[in-house]
Amino acid sequence: MSRWIFLRGLTRESRHWGDFPARFRRELADAEITLLDLPGNGEFNDRQSPASVAAMAEACRNELLARGVAPPYQLLAMSLGAMVAVAWADKYPGELRGCVLINTSMRPFNPFWQRLQPRNYPTLLGFLLPGRSARAREEAILRLTSRLAGIDQGVANNATEPTRAQIVEEWTDWHLQRPVSGANTLRQLWAASRFRAPEQKPPVPMLVLAGAADQLVDPQCSRQLARHWQTAFAEHPSAGHDLPLDAGAWVSAQVSDWILWARS
């Protein structure tokens, strides 16, 4: 049995993993998965988001211990969640057997215009303005983070795969049920912008994954991180920022191959 902790990114919650955990279990049959929300998001949307990534990592550790979910863990984390995973690995490497970092970006390896592509600034700032509908917000997030989900690419759609309209409808419902406050959104953005990864890779096995069509974070961030830390790396040629949504089977296969390679 391997104990996996999944961490999402900015303002997202565990339900945004969609069917990816089920795909992951089919690929890694011994995986025991805990979906954990960051403070301020999802089931913890009534809590204040910490203003630092290190404090987010501490909050995640404390929540797992309170639930009786003991280490060692393997972390699969994307974007802001991957920063939390790095902070965790840097301070408590003995608790972790491995980290999968998806479409993340960190100082000092990349400039700010790669870490959050400037063409998206107006859209992101618009999320903080009053009067925007939940549906319009979620439509914009889907455009920013997904290139493949719900799109018929010339083959018959699997009836079980939701359309983009259905994804937006579901995400809108979740936002209305458990909204993330504007203050918490700003605190998460502030924490992400200030986080600085260590120059040397923490002593934990790592796999870095990227989507070449990421419109939110330049995939060069993942490439540079993997190059600097000399980690295992794979890049999907057409997926966007939400790699588990766009290419969940591919992500699961990459993790499985990495684990087999590490054991050999």
Protein backbone atom coordinates (compact mmCIF):
# COMPACT_ATOMS: atom_id res chain seq x y z
CA MET A 1 0.00 0.00 0.00
CA SER A 2 1.24 3.50 -0.89
CA ARG A 3 -0.32 6.50 0.82
CA TRP A 4 -0.87 9.36 -1.62
CA ILE A 5 -1.90 12.91 -0.72
CA PHE A 6 -3.34 15.00 -3.57
CA LEU A 7 -3.04 18.81 -3.36
CA ARG A 8 -4.74 21.25 -5.75
CA GLY A 9 -3.79 24.81 -6.62
CA LEU A 10 -5.02 28.38 -6.30
CA THR A 11 -8.69 28.56 -5.12
CA ARG A 12 -9.38 25.00 -6.29
CA GLU A 13 -10.69 22.16 -4.14
CA SER A 14 -10.67 18.38 -4.04
CA ARG A 15 -13.76 18.00 -6.22
CA HIS A 16 -11.84 19.62 -9.08
CA TRP A 17 -9.80 16.42 -9.42
CA GLY A 18 -12.89 14.99 -11.14
CA ASP A 19 -12.42 11.34 -12.14
CA PHE A 20 -8.62 11.54 -11.95
CA PRO A 21 -8.34 9.72 -8.57
CA ALA A 22 -10.28 6.77 -10.03
CA ARG A 23 -7.99 6.72 -13.09
CA PHE A 24 -4.98 6.87 -10.80
CA ARG A 25 -6.19 3.90 -8.73
CA ARG A 26 -6.68 1.85 -11.89
CA GLU A 27 -3.04 2.49 -12.81
CA LEU A 28 -1.62 2.15 -9.29
CA ALA A 29 -3.76 -0.50 -7.64
CA ASP A 30 -2.09 -0.19 -4.24
CA ALA A 31 -2.66 3.58 -3.96
CA GLU A 32 -4.52 4.85 -0.91
CA ILE A 33 -5.51 8.41 -1.82
CA THR A 34 -6.40 11.31 0.48
CA LEU A 35 -7.73 14.42 -1.26
CA LEU A 36 -6.71 17.37 0.88
CA ASP A 37 -7.90 20.96 0.47
CA LEU A 38 -5.64 23.89 1.24
CA PRO A 39 -6.86 26.23 4.01
CA GLY A 40 -9.39 28.67 2.57
CA ASN A 41 -10.53 26.28 -0.17
CA GLY A 42 -13.16 23.55 -0.41
CA GLU A 43 -14.20 22.09 2.92
CA PHE A 44 -11.94 24.65 4.62
CA ASN A 45 -13.34 27.70 2.81
CA ASP A 46 -14.33 29.22 6.17
CA ARG A 47 -10.68 29.30 7.26
CA GLN A 48 -8.18 32.02 6.51
CA SER A 49 -5.60 31.07 3.91
CA PRO A 50 -2.07 31.36 5.30
CA ALA A 51 0.01 34.13 3.81
CA SER A 52 2.97 31.80 3.24
CA VAL A 53 3.44 28.50 1.47
CA ALA A 54 5.37 27.10 4.45
CA ALA A 55 2.35 27.76 6.69
CA MET A 56 0.11 26.00 4.16
CA ALA A 57 2.37 22.94 4.38
CA GLU A 58 2.15 22.98 8.17
CA ALA A 59 -1.64 23.22 8.00
CA CYS A 60 -1.79 20.21 5.66
CA ARG A 61 0.46 18.14 7.93
CA ASN A 62 -1.62 19.02 10.98
CA GLU A 63 -4.86 18.15 9.23
CA LEU A 64 -3.57 14.73 8.19
CA LEU A 65 -2.35 13.98 11.70
CA ALA A 66 -5.71 15.07 13.12
CA ARG A 67 -7.40 12.60 10.77
CA GLY A 68 -5.05 9.83 11.85
CA VAL A 69 -3.40 9.65 8.42
CA ALA A 70 0.21 9.02 9.34
CA PRO A 71 3.35 9.34 7.19
CA PRO A 72 5.17 8.35 5.13
CA TYR A 73 3.30 9.99 2.27
CA GLN A 74 3.69 10.44 -1.46
CA LEU A 75 2.48 13.81 -2.69
CA LEU A 76 0.86 14.52 -6.04
CA ALA A 77 0.39 18.25 -6.31
CA MET A 78 -0.19 20.87 -8.95
CA SER A 79 0.53 24.57 -9.25
CA LEU A 80 0.31 26.21 -5.79
CA GLY A 81 -0.14 22.75 -4.29
CA ALA A 82 3.23 21.75 -5.76
CA MET A 83 4.86 24.69 -3.99
CA VAL A 84 3.35 23.37 -0.76
CA ALA A 85 4.81 19.94 -1.58
CA VAL A 86 8.29 21.44 -2.05
CA ALA A 87 8.09 23.36 1.22
CA TRP A 88 7.01 20.14 2.93
CA ALA A 89 9.85 18.14 1.37
CA ASP A 90 12.39 20.79 2.30
CA LYS A 91 11.44 20.85 6.00
CA TYR A 92 10.22 17.30 6.61
CA PRO A 93 11.87 15.05 4.00
CA GLY A 94 11.62 12.02 6.28
CA GLU A 95 7.83 12.11 5.99
CA LEU A 96 7.81 11.77 2.21
CA ARG A 97 8.62 8.91 -0.14
CA GLY A 98 8.20 11.02 -3.24
CA CYS A 99 6.62 14.08 -4.86
CA VAL A 100 4.96 14.52 -8.25
CA LEU A 101 4.98 18.23 -9.14
CA ILE A 102 2.57 19.30 -11.88
CA ASN A 103 2.74 22.58 -13.84
CA THR A 104 4.29 24.59 -11.05
CA SER A 105 6.57 27.63 -10.94
CA MET A 106 8.98 28.82 -8.30
CA ARG A 107 11.53 31.46 -7.61
CA PRO A 108 14.48 31.61 -8.15
CA PHE A 109 14.32 29.50 -11.30
CA ASN A 110 12.05 31.67 -13.47
CA PRO A 111 11.07 35.34 -13.83
CA PHE A 112 7.59 36.50 -12.83
CA TRP A 113 6.37 36.80 -16.45
CA GLN A 114 6.90 33.07 -16.93
CA ARG A 115 5.53 32.06 -13.53
CA LEU A 116 2.20 33.76 -14.33
CA GLN A 117 1.86 34.77 -17.96
CA PRO A 118 1.05 38.53 -18.19
CA ARG A 119 -1.76 38.14 -20.72
CA ASN A 120 -3.78 36.56 -17.91
CA TYR A 121 -3.44 39.41 -15.41
CA PRO A 122 -6.67 41.20 -16.43
CA THR A 123 -8.70 37.98 -16.19
CA LEU A 124 -7.27 37.08 -12.78
CA LEU A 125 -7.83 40.58 -11.42
CA GLY A 126 -11.39 40.42 -12.71
CA PHE A 127 -12.08 37.52 -10.35
CA LEU A 128 -11.65 39.93 -7.44
CA LEU A 129 -14.13 42.51 -8.71
CA PRO A 130 -17.74 42.48 -7.45
CA GLY A 131 -20.60 41.68 -9.77
CA ARG A 132 -19.02 38.92 -11.83
CA SER A 133 -21.23 35.85 -12.08
CA ALA A 134 -20.00 32.50 -10.79
CA ARG A 135 -20.58 30.97 -14.22
CA ALA A 136 -18.52 33.62 -16.01
CA ARG A 137 -15.74 33.09 -13.47
CA GLU A 138 -15.66 29.33 -13.99
CA GLU A 139 -15.85 29.66 -17.78
CA ALA A 140 -12.79 31.90 -17.63
CA ILE A 141 -10.92 29.48 -15.36
CA LEU A 142 -11.65 26.58 -17.70
CA ARG A 143 -10.34 28.60 -20.68
CA LEU A 144 -7.17 29.41 -18.76
CA THR A 145 -6.46 25.95 -17.41
CA SER A 146 -7.73 23.38 -19.92
CA ARG A 147 -6.97 22.80 -23.59
CA LEU A 148 -8.45 19.34 -24.11
CA ALA A 149 -11.23 18.59 -21.61
CA GLY A 150 -14.68 18.16 -23.09
CA ILE A 151 -13.54 18.81 -26.66
CA ASP A 152 -14.40 16.44 -29.50
CA GLN A 153 -11.21 16.06 -31.52
CA GLY A 154 -12.68 14.21 -34.47
CA VAL A 155 -13.50 10.93 -32.75
CA ALA A 156 -16.70 9.78 -31.14
CA ASN A 157 -17.02 11.20 -27.64
CA ASN A 158 -17.13 8.75 -24.78
CA ALA A 159 -20.59 9.18 -23.27
CA THR A 160 -19.06 9.28 -19.81
CA GLU A 161 -16.83 12.26 -20.63
CA PRO A 162 -18.47 15.61 -19.76
CA THR A 163 -18.65 18.44 -22.26
CA ARG A 164 -17.09 21.80 -21.45
CA ALA A 165 -20.54 23.22 -20.73
CA GLN A 166 -21.16 20.43 -18.23
CA ILE A 167 -17.77 21.03 -16.59
CA VAL A 168 -18.57 24.73 -16.19
CA GLU A 169 -22.00 23.94 -14.75
CA GLU A 170 -20.49 21.56 -12.19
CA TRP A 171 -17.70 23.96 -11.24
CA THR A 172 -20.23 26.78 -10.88
CA ASP A 173 -22.29 24.71 -8.45
CA TRP A 174 -19.21 23.93 -6.39
CA HIS A 175 -18.22 27.59 -6.28
CA LEU A 176 -21.68 28.58 -5.08
CA GLN A 177 -21.65 25.86 -2.44
CA ARG A 178 -18.17 26.62 -1.09
CA PRO A 179 -16.94 29.97 -2.42
CA VAL A 180 -13.38 31.12 -1.88
CA SER A 181 -13.34 34.67 -0.55
CA GLY A 182 -11.56 37.47 -2.32
CA ALA A 183 -9.34 37.93 0.71
CA ASN A 184 -8.29 34.28 0.63
CA THR A 185 -7.65 34.47 -3.11
CA LEU A 186 -5.32 37.42 -2.53
CA ARG A 187 -3.56 35.66 0.35
CA GLN A 188 -2.94 32.60 -1.83
CA LEU A 189 -1.61 34.76 -4.66
CA TRP A 190 0.62 36.60 -2.21
CA ALA A 191 1.95 33.36 -0.74
CA ALA A 192 2.68 31.93 -4.19
CA SER A 193 4.43 35.10 -5.38
CA ARG A 194 6.70 35.17 -2.30
CA PHE A 195 7.59 31.49 -2.18
CA ARG A 196 11.22 30.74 -2.90
CA ALA A 197 12.30 27.15 -3.47
CA PRO A 198 15.66 25.95 -2.17
CA GLU A 199 18.54 26.02 -4.61
CA GLN A 200 19.24 22.36 -3.93
CA LYS A 201 16.54 19.75 -4.40
CA PRO A 202 15.16 18.44 -1.10
CA PRO A 203 16.30 14.84 -0.47
CA VAL A 204 13.04 13.33 -1.73
CA PRO A 205 12.51 11.54 -5.09
CA MET A 206 10.67 13.86 -7.48
CA LEU A 207 8.90 13.71 -10.83
CA VAL A 208 8.05 16.97 -12.63
CA LEU A 209 5.20 16.94 -15.16
CA ALA A 210 4.15 19.71 -17.53
CA GLY A 211 1.62 20.48 -20.23
CA ALA A 212 3.21 22.06 -23.28
CA ALA A 213 0.00 24.03 -23.98
CA ASP A 214 -0.24 25.55 -20.48
CA GLN A 215 -1.71 29.04 -20.99
CA LEU A 216 -1.44 30.08 -17.33
CA VAL A 217 2.12 29.15 -16.35
CA ASP A 218 4.86 28.96 -18.95
CA PRO A 219 5.91 25.27 -19.22
CA GLN A 220 9.48 26.55 -19.22
CA CYS A 221 9.06 26.81 -15.44
CA SER A 222 8.69 23.05 -15.07
CA ARG A 223 11.45 22.37 -17.58
CA GLN A 224 13.86 24.64 -15.75
CA LEU A 225 12.97 23.22 -12.33
CA ALA A 226 13.54 19.65 -13.50
CA ARG A 227 16.80 20.65 -15.19
CA HIS A 228 18.12 22.53 -12.17
CA TRP A 229 17.20 19.82 -9.67
CA GLN A 230 17.98 16.99 -12.11
CA THR A 231 14.66 15.26 -11.52
CA ALA A 232 12.67 12.92 -13.72
CA PHE A 233 10.57 14.95 -16.18
CA ALA A 234 7.82 14.41 -18.75
CA GLU A 235 5.80 16.84 -20.85
CA HIS A 236 2.46 16.27 -22.53
CA PRO A 237 2.49 17.83 -26.03
CA SER A 238 -1.02 19.31 -26.04
CA ALA A 239 -2.40 19.47 -22.47
CA GLY A 240 -2.92 22.68 -20.55
CA HIS A 241 -2.39 23.78 -16.96
CA ASP A 242 -4.89 21.34 -15.45
CA LEU A 243 -2.95 18.33 -16.63
CA PRO A 244 -4.97 15.74 -14.65
CA LEU A 245 -8.16 17.10 -16.24
CA ASP A 246 -6.76 17.22 -19.77
CA ALA A 247 -4.70 14.02 -19.70
CA GLY A 248 -5.43 12.07 -16.53
CA ALA A 249 -4.58 8.67 -17.99
CA TRP A 250 -1.24 10.03 -19.23
CA VAL A 251 -0.41 11.49 -15.81
CA SER A 252 -1.22 8.19 -14.09
CA ALA A 253 0.92 6.24 -16.56
CA GLN A 254 3.84 8.64 -16.10
CA VAL A 255 3.68 8.23 -12.32
CA SER A 256 3.47 4.44 -12.61
CA ASP A 257 6.45 4.33 -14.98
CA TRP A 258 8.45 6.63 -12.69
CA ILE A 259 7.80 4.40 -9.67
CA LEU A 260 8.81 1.29 -11.61
CA TRP A 261 11.95 3.05 -12.85
CA ALA A 262 12.85 4.16 -9.31
CA ARG A 263 12.49 0.61 -8.03
CA SER A 264 14.63 -0.92 -10.77
